């Protein structure tokens, strides 16, 4: 999963598109609360390990 996300984010960066801002745990909670019973696949990635050159200070 991490390599797929890394590939996707690198492609965004190569296209000079803005990298999406990381979101915190509240985004997981919101997704679960608003899922209406849907099954979700939520994941966490360490952004610094995926694209260290784009780490937001």
Protein backbone atom coordinates (compact mmCIF):
# COMPACT_ATOMS: atom_id res chain seq x y z
CA UNK A 1 0.00 0.00 0.00
CA UNK A 2 2.79 2.40 0.91
CA UNK A 3 4.55 1.90 -2.42
CA UNK A 4 1.30 2.57 -4.34
CA UNK A 5 0.70 5.77 -2.39
CA UNK A 6 4.31 6.80 -2.86
CA UNK A 7 3.98 6.27 -6.62
CA UNK A 8 0.75 8.28 -6.71
CA UNK A 9 2.12 11.18 -4.67
CA UNK A 10 5.34 11.26 -6.71
CA UNK A 11 3.26 11.47 -9.90
CA UNK A 12 1.31 14.39 -8.43
CA UNK A 13 4.58 16.14 -7.55
CA UNK A 14 6.07 15.45 -11.00
CA UNK A 15 3.00 17.05 -12.58
CA UNK A 16 3.57 20.14 -10.39
CA UNK A 17 0.21 19.60 -8.73
CA UNK A 18 -0.20 20.44 -5.05
CA UNK A 19 0.41 17.57 -2.65
CA UNK A 20 -2.71 16.97 -0.51
CA UNK A 21 -2.33 18.18 3.05
CA UNK A 22 -1.98 15.40 5.63
CA UNK A 23 -5.01 14.99 7.86
CA UNK A 24 -5.12 13.81 11.43
CA UNK A 25 -7.01 11.15 13.31
CA UNK A 26 -10.17 13.25 13.23
CA UNK A 27 -10.50 12.45 9.52
CA UNK A 28 -10.68 8.73 10.41
CA UNK A 29 -13.31 9.40 13.05
CA UNK A 30 -15.35 11.54 10.63
CA UNK A 31 -15.17 8.86 7.94
CA UNK A 32 -16.38 6.20 10.34
CA UNK A 33 -19.18 8.36 11.74
CA UNK A 34 -20.41 9.24 8.25
CA UNK A 35 -20.02 5.78 6.71
CA UNK A 36 -23.68 4.77 7.14
CA UNK A 37 -22.60 1.16 7.60
CA UNK A 38 -20.29 1.06 4.60
CA UNK A 39 -17.10 -0.92 4.97
CA UNK A 40 -14.08 1.36 4.65
CA UNK A 41 -10.41 0.81 4.06
CA UNK A 42 -8.53 3.45 5.99
CA UNK A 43 -4.78 3.58 6.18
CA UNK A 44 -2.01 5.62 7.67
CA UNK A 45 1.27 6.41 5.96
CA UNK A 46 4.29 8.19 7.32
CA UNK A 47 4.49 11.03 4.80
CA UNK A 48 8.16 11.65 5.57
CA UNK A 49 9.05 8.08 4.63
CA UNK A 50 7.07 8.27 1.39
CA UNK A 51 8.15 11.69 0.08
CA UNK A 52 10.80 13.12 2.41
CA UNK A 53 11.52 15.98 0.01
CA UNK A 54 7.95 17.26 0.43
CA UNK A 55 7.66 17.15 4.22
CA UNK A 56 5.68 20.14 5.42
CA UNK A 57 7.44 21.93 8.27
